[in-house]
C-alpha atoms as a PDB file:
ATOM      1  CA  THR A   1       0.000   0.000   0.000  1.00  0.00           C
ATOM      2  CA  PHE A   2       2.662   2.498   1.010  1.00  0.00           C
ATOM      3  CA  SER A   3       4.981   1.772  -1.903  1.00  0.00           C
ATOM      4  CA  VAL A   4       2.150   2.383  -4.371  1.00  0.00           C
ATOM      5  CA  MET A   5       1.233   5.529  -2.413  1.00  0.00           C
ATOM      6  CA  GLY A   6       4.804   6.736  -2.926  1.00  0.00           C
ATOM      7  CA  HIS A   7       4.531   5.962  -6.627  1.00  0.00           C
ATOM      8  CA  VAL A   8       1.232   7.855  -6.918  1.00  0.00           C
ATOM      9  CA  ALA A   9       2.724  10.784  -4.975  1.00  0.00           C
ATOM     10  CA  LYS A  10       5.682  10.951  -7.362  1.00  0.00           C
ATOM     11  CA  ALA A  11       3.494  10.623 -10.497  1.00  0.00           C
ATOM     12  CA  SER A  12       3.062  14.379 -10.848  1.00  0.00           C
ATOM     13  CA  GLY A  13       6.832  14.847 -10.632  1.00  0.00           C
ATOM     14  CA  ARG A  14       7.135  16.056  -7.057  1.00  0.00           C
ATOM     15  CA  VAL A  15       6.223  14.595  -3.688  1.00  0.00           C
ATOM     16  CA  THR A  16       4.648  17.369  -1.619  1.00  0.00           C
ATOM     17  CA  PRO A  17       4.353  17.782   2.154  1.00  0.00           C
ATOM     18  CA  GLU A  18       0.652  16.930   1.689  1.00  0.00           C
ATOM     19  CA  HIS A  19       1.598  13.547   0.200  1.00  0.00           C
ATOM     20  CA  ILE A  20       3.850  12.811   3.152  1.00  0.00           C
ATOM     21  CA  GLN A  21       1.169  13.943   5.607  1.00  0.00           C
ATOM     22  CA  THR A  22      -1.394  11.677   3.932  1.00  0.00           C
ATOM     23  CA  ALA A  23       0.919   8.681   4.288  1.00  0.00           C
ATOM     24  CA  THR A  24       1.666   9.611   7.906  1.00  0.00           C
ATOM     25  CA  ASP A  25      -2.045   9.959   8.651  1.00  0.00           C
ATOM     26  CA  PHE A  26      -2.696   6.466   7.283  1.00  0.00           C
ATOM     27  CA  MET A  27       0.116   5.083   9.426  1.00  0.00           C
ATOM     28  CA  THR A  28      -1.509   6.667  12.464  1.00  0.00           C
ATOM     29  CA  GLN A  29      -4.995   5.435  11.532  1.00  0.00           C
ATOM     30  CA  MET A  30      -3.635   1.923  11.085  1.00  0.00           C
ATOM     31  CA  ARG A  31      -1.960   2.138  14.518  1.00  0.00           C
ATOM     32  CA  LEU A  32       1.336   0.842  13.201  1.00  0.00           C
ATOM     33  CA  SER A  33       4.148  -0.006  15.611  1.00  0.00           C
ATOM     34  CA  GLU A  34       7.465   1.842  15.341  1.00  0.00           C
ATOM     35  CA  SER A  35       9.008  -0.960  13.283  1.00  0.00           C
ATOM     36  CA  GLN A  36       5.944  -1.060  11.010  1.00  0.00           C
ATOM     37  CA  ILE A  37       6.155   2.724  10.564  1.00  0.00           C
ATOM     38  CA  ASP A  38       9.799   2.386   9.537  1.00  0.00           C
ATOM     39  CA  GLU A  39       8.819  -0.333   7.066  1.00  0.00           C
ATOM     40  CA  ALA A  40       5.954   1.802   5.686  1.00  0.00           C
ATOM     41  CA  LYS A  41       8.268   4.815   5.264  1.00  0.00           C
ATOM     42  CA  SER A  42      10.811   2.642   3.482  1.00  0.00           C
ATOM     43  CA  ALA A  43       8.099   1.296   1.170  1.00  0.00           C
ATOM     44  CA  PHE A  44       6.882   4.845   0.432  1.00  0.00           C
ATOM     45  CA  ARG A  45      10.445   5.881  -0.486  1.00  0.00           C
ATOM     46  CA  GLU A  46      10.759   2.777  -2.687  1.00  0.00           C
ATOM     47  CA  GLY A  47       7.617   3.809  -4.576  1.00  0.00           C
ATOM     48  CA  LYS A  48       9.196   7.162  -5.448  1.00  0.00           C
ATOM     49  CA  LEU A  49      12.175   5.569  -7.216  1.00  0.00           C
ATOM     50  CA  ILE A  50      12.569   5.542 -10.966  1.00  0.00           C
ATOM     51  CA  GLY A  51      11.823   2.088 -12.301  1.00  0.00           C
ATOM     52  CA  PHE A  52       9.454   1.189  -9.460  1.00  0.00           C
ATOM     53  CA  PRO A  53       7.946  -2.223 -10.371  1.00  0.00           C
ATOM     54  CA  LEU A  54       4.279  -1.173 -10.108  1.00  0.00           C
ATOM     55  CA  LYS A  55       2.900  -4.195 -11.925  1.00  0.00           C
ATOM     56  CA  LYS A  56       4.897  -6.592  -9.723  1.00  0.00           C
ATOM     57  CA  LYS A  57       3.748  -4.854  -6.514  1.00  0.00           C
ATOM     58  CA  LEU A  58       0.126  -4.870  -7.627  1.00  0.00           C
ATOM     59  CA  ASN A  59       0.394  -8.546  -8.529  1.00  0.00           C
ATOM     60  CA  GLN A  60       1.742  -9.249  -5.033  1.00  0.00           C
ATOM     61  CA  PHE A  61      -1.173  -7.361  -3.510  1.00  0.00           C
ATOM     62  CA  LYS A  62      -3.653  -9.120  -5.763  1.00  0.00           C
ATOM     63  CA  SER A  63      -2.205 -12.559  -4.971  1.00  0.00           C
ATOM     64  CA  GLN A  64      -2.776 -11.858  -1.264  1.00  0.00           C
ATOM     65  CA  PHE A  65      -6.101 -10.010  -1.409  1.00  0.00           C
ATOM     66  CA  GLY A  66      -7.429 -10.335  -4.956  1.00  0.00           C
ATOM     67  CA  ASP A  67     -10.389 -12.431  -3.873  1.00  0.00           C
ATOM     68  CA  ARG A  68     -11.454  -9.659  -1.481  1.00  0.00           C
ATOM     69  CA  ARG A  69     -13.070  -7.040  -3.717  1.00  0.00           C
ATOM     70  CA  ASP A  70     -13.687  -4.790  -0.692  1.00  0.00           C
ATOM     71  CA  LEU A  71      -9.958  -4.705   0.175  1.00  0.00           C
ATOM     72  CA  CYS A  72      -9.014  -4.050  -3.446  1.00  0.00           C
ATOM     73  CA  GLN A  73     -11.478  -1.147  -3.508  1.00  0.00           C
ATOM     74  CA  PHE A  74     -10.152   0.199  -0.206  1.00  0.00           C
ATOM     75  CA  PHE A  75      -6.595  -0.026  -1.575  1.00  0.00           C
ATOM     76  CA  LEU A  76      -7.682   1.910  -4.681  1.00  0.00           C
ATOM     77  CA  GLU A  77      -9.470   4.518  -2.548  1.00  0.00           C
ATOM     78  CA  ILE A  78      -6.252   5.065  -0.565  1.00  0.00           C
ATOM     79  CA  GLN A  79      -4.427   5.711  -3.830  1.00  0.00           C
ATOM     80  CA  ILE A  80      -7.154   8.157  -4.939  1.00  0.00           C
ATOM     81  CA  GLN A  81      -6.836  10.017  -1.633  1.00  0.00           C
ATOM     82  CA  THR A  82      -3.085  10.159  -2.096  1.00  0.00           C
ATOM     83  CA  ALA A  83      -3.471  11.624  -5.582  1.00  0.00           C
ATOM     84  CA  TYR A  84      -5.998  14.177  -4.315  1.00  0.00           C
ATOM     85  CA  CYS A  85      -4.204  15.194  -1.108  1.00  0.00           C
ATOM     86  CA  ASP A  86      -3.091  18.455  -2.727  1.00  0.00           C
ATOM     87  CA  ALA A  87      -6.675  19.068  -3.985  1.00  0.00           C
ATOM     88  CA  VAL A  88      -5.683  18.552  -7.634  1.00  0.00           C
ATOM     89  CA  LEU A  89      -5.821  15.375  -9.686  1.00  0.00           C
ATOM     90  CA  GLU A  90      -3.186  15.840 -12.355  1.00  0.00           C
ATOM     91  CA  GLN A  91      -3.270  13.892 -15.620  1.00  0.00           C
ATOM     92  CA  ALA A  92      -0.225  11.792 -14.709  1.00  0.00           C
ATOM     93  CA  GLU A  93      -1.864  10.833 -11.401  1.00  0.00           C
ATOM     94  CA  TYR A  94      -5.126   9.977 -13.156  1.00  0.00           C
ATOM     95  CA  ASP A  95      -3.307   7.857 -15.744  1.00  0.00           C
ATOM     96  CA  LEU A  96      -1.555   5.968 -12.958  1.00  0.00           C
ATOM     97  CA  LEU A  97      -4.842   5.437 -11.102  1.00  0.00           C
ATOM     98  CA  VAL A  98      -6.312   3.964 -14.297  1.00  0.00           C
ATOM     99  CA  LYS A  99      -3.421   1.459 -14.423  1.00  0.00           C
ATOM    100  CA  VAL A 100      -3.825   0.544 -10.758  1.00  0.00           C
ATOM    101  CA  ALA A 101      -7.593   0.174 -11.104  1.00  0.00           C
ATOM    102  CA  LYS A 102      -7.306  -1.977 -14.212  1.00  0.00           C
ATOM    103  CA  GLN A 103      -4.776  -4.306 -12.625  1.00  0.00           C
ATOM    104  CA  LEU A 104      -7.029  -4.715  -9.571  1.00  0.00           C
ATOM    105  CA  GLY A 105     -10.019  -5.559 -11.754  1.00  0.00           C
ATOM    106  CA  PHE A 106     -11.809  -2.205 -11.841  1.00  0.00           C
ATOM    107  CA  ASN A 107     -12.844  -0.602 -15.108  1.00  0.00           C
ATOM    108  CA  LYS A 108     -12.610   3.095 -15.930  1.00  0.00           C
ATOM    109  CA  ARG A 109     -16.266   3.740 -15.078  1.00  0.00           C
ATOM    110  CA  GLN A 110     -15.836   2.206 -11.631  1.00  0.00           C
ATOM    111  CA  LEU A 111     -12.720   4.298 -11.071  1.00  0.00           C
ATOM    112  CA  GLN A 112     -14.626   7.420 -12.136  1.00  0.00           C
ATOM    113  CA  GLN A 113     -17.353   6.579  -9.621  1.00  0.00           C
ATOM    114  CA  LEU A 114     -14.802   6.205  -6.805  1.00  0.00           C
ATOM    115  CA  ILE A 115     -13.180   9.486  -7.810  1.00  0.00           C
ATOM    116  CA  ALA A 116     -16.592  11.219  -7.854  1.00  0.00           C
ATOM    117  CA  MET A 117     -17.288   9.844  -4.379  1.00  0.00           C
ATOM    118  CA  TRP A 118     -13.988  11.209  -3.102  1.00  0.00           C
ATOM    119  CA  GLU A 119     -14.572  14.616  -4.724  1.00  0.00           C
ATOM    120  CA  ALA A 120     -17.997  14.788  -3.056  1.00  0.00           C
ATOM    121  CA  GLU A 121     -16.426  13.862   0.278  1.00  0.00           C
ATOM    122  CA  ILE A 122     -13.910  16.702  -0.150  1.00  0.00           C
ATOM    123  CA  ARG A 123     -16.743  19.177  -0.837  1.00  0.00           C
ATOM    124  CA  PHE A 124     -18.682  18.010   2.228  1.00  0.00           C
ATOM    125  CA  GLN A 125     -15.617  18.268   4.465  1.00  0.00           C
ATOM    126  CA  THR A 126     -14.705  21.710   3.081  1.00  0.00           C
ATOM    127  CA  TYR A 127     -18.235  22.981   3.647  1.00  0.00           C
ATOM    128  CA  LYS A 128     -18.334  21.513   7.160  1.00  0.00           C
ATOM    129  CA  LYS A 129     -15.044  23.211   8.080  1.00  0.00           C
ATOM    130  CA  ALA A 130     -16.272  26.529   6.672  1.00  0.00           C
ATOM    131  CA  GLN A 131     -19.472  26.275   8.703  1.00  0.00           C
ATOM    132  CA  GLN A 132     -17.531  25.454  11.872  1.00  0.00           C
ATOM    133  CA  GLU A 133     -15.228  28.416  11.347  1.00  0.00           C
ATOM    134  CA  LYS A 134     -18.191  30.658  10.634  1.00  0.00           C
ATOM    135  CA  TYR A 135     -19.715  29.982  14.046  1.00  0.00           C
ATOM    136  CA  LYS A 136     -16.526  29.525  16.032  1.00  0.00           C
ATOM    137  CA  LYS A 137     -16.219  33.232  16.791  1.00  0.00           C
ATOM    138  CA  TYR A 138     -19.561  33.424  18.603  1.00  0.00           C
ATOM    139  CA  ASP A 139     -20.377  32.205  22.052  1.00  0.00           C
ATOM    140  CA  ARG A 140     -23.049  29.536  22.298  1.00  0.00           C
ATOM    141  CA  ARG A 141     -25.954  31.888  23.062  1.00  0.00           C
ATOM    142  CA  GLN A 142     -25.026  34.323  20.328  1.00  0.00           C
ATOM    143  CA  GLN A 143     -24.337  31.447  17.972  1.00  0.00           C
ATOM    144  CA  TYR A 144     -27.829  30.053  18.631  1.00  0.00           C
ATOM    145  CA  ARG A 145     -29.514  33.431  17.995  1.00  0.00           C
ATOM    146  CA  ASP A 146     -27.457  34.003  14.870  1.00  0.00           C
ATOM    147  CA  HIS A 147     -28.172  30.496  13.666  1.00  0.00           C
ATOM    148  CA  GLN A 148     -31.922  30.991  14.138  1.00  0.00           C
ATOM    149  CA  GLU A 149     -31.818  34.274  12.232  1.00  0.00           C
ATOM    150  CA  SER A 150     -29.665  32.723   9.528  1.00  0.00           C
ATOM    151  CA  GLN A 151     -32.092  29.810   9.176  1.00  0.00           C
ATOM    152  CA  ARG A 152     -34.989  32.224   8.650  1.00  0.00           C
ATOM    153  CA  GLN A 153     -33.064  34.199   6.044  1.00  0.00           C
ATOM    154  CA  GLN A 154     -31.839  31.161   4.145  1.00  0.00           C
ATOM    155  CA  GLU A 155     -34.953  29.004   4.046  1.00  0.00           C
ATOM    156  CA  SER A 156     -35.511  29.675   0.375  1.00  0.00           C
ATOM    157  CA  THR A 157     -31.872  29.993  -0.691  1.00  0.00           C
ATOM    158  CA  ARG A 158     -28.888  27.686  -0.570  1.00  0.00           C
ATOM    159  CA  ASP A 159     -25.577  28.583   1.067  1.00  0.00           C
ATOM    160  CA  GLU A 160     -22.841  29.403  -1.419  1.00  0.00           C
ATOM    161  CA  GLY A 161     -20.502  26.430  -1.713  1.00  0.00           C
ATOM    162  CA  ALA A 162     -22.829  24.026   0.082  1.00  0.00           C
ATOM    163  CA  PRO A 163     -22.721  20.433  -1.126  1.00  0.00           C
ATOM    164  CA  SER A 164     -25.508  19.661  -3.564  1.00  0.00           C
ATOM    165  CA  LEU A 165     -27.881  16.737  -3.797  1.00  0.00           C
ATOM    166  CA  LEU A 166     -25.680  15.467  -6.631  1.00  0.00           C
ATOM    167  CA  ASP A 167     -22.728  15.505  -4.197  1.00  0.00           C
ATOM    168  CA  ALA A 168     -24.744  13.387  -1.787  1.00  0.00           C
ATOM    169  CA  TYR A 169     -25.545  10.908  -4.562  1.00  0.00           C
ATOM    170  CA  ALA A 170     -21.895  10.795  -5.629  1.00  0.00           C
ATOM    171  CA  LEU A 171     -20.737  10.250  -2.062  1.00  0.00           C
ATOM    172  CA  LEU A 172     -23.106   7.284  -1.822  1.00  0.00           C
ATOM    173  CA  GLY A 173     -21.929   6.011  -5.197  1.00  0.00           C
ATOM    174  CA  VAL A 174     -25.316   6.212  -6.885  1.00  0.00           C
ATOM    175  CA  GLY A 175     -26.717   8.214  -9.786  1.00  0.00           C
ATOM    176  CA  ASP A 176     -29.486  10.798  -9.413  1.00  0.00           C
END
């Protein structure tokens, strides 16, 4: 997982601090031990090298987990998140994701659906953060009064930048 993450991070030509933070966050979420973290970091560095054997690594993954479609999808979603960690999916990253998806048994349409789900998730999280920041400056009583007033004013209009119903559908992985 981490070697392919390194390869995806390097696909656009430069590994950014956001790429490294994404890998670090996954290590934390997975609750890796110190020795496992060292191994994951080494694998990430390996993925950045010229001549990285992507097909061989994916075949190894598939030989271990290929019968588990859910794990293959989760693996692919991790790679999508890695590509998107800087909020931009560059062509080289997309092309690499297509290769990874194909080798894991996903077609382009399925990859597009997973990407759309991730983009919707980003919009929801961005909107949520903006809303939290908006109300952070008020105390609870003032926040409640302001919220009530805001609700009355916005009943017939949508907030600018709010996730749409289409975003909700995409996040769930279904069409409208």
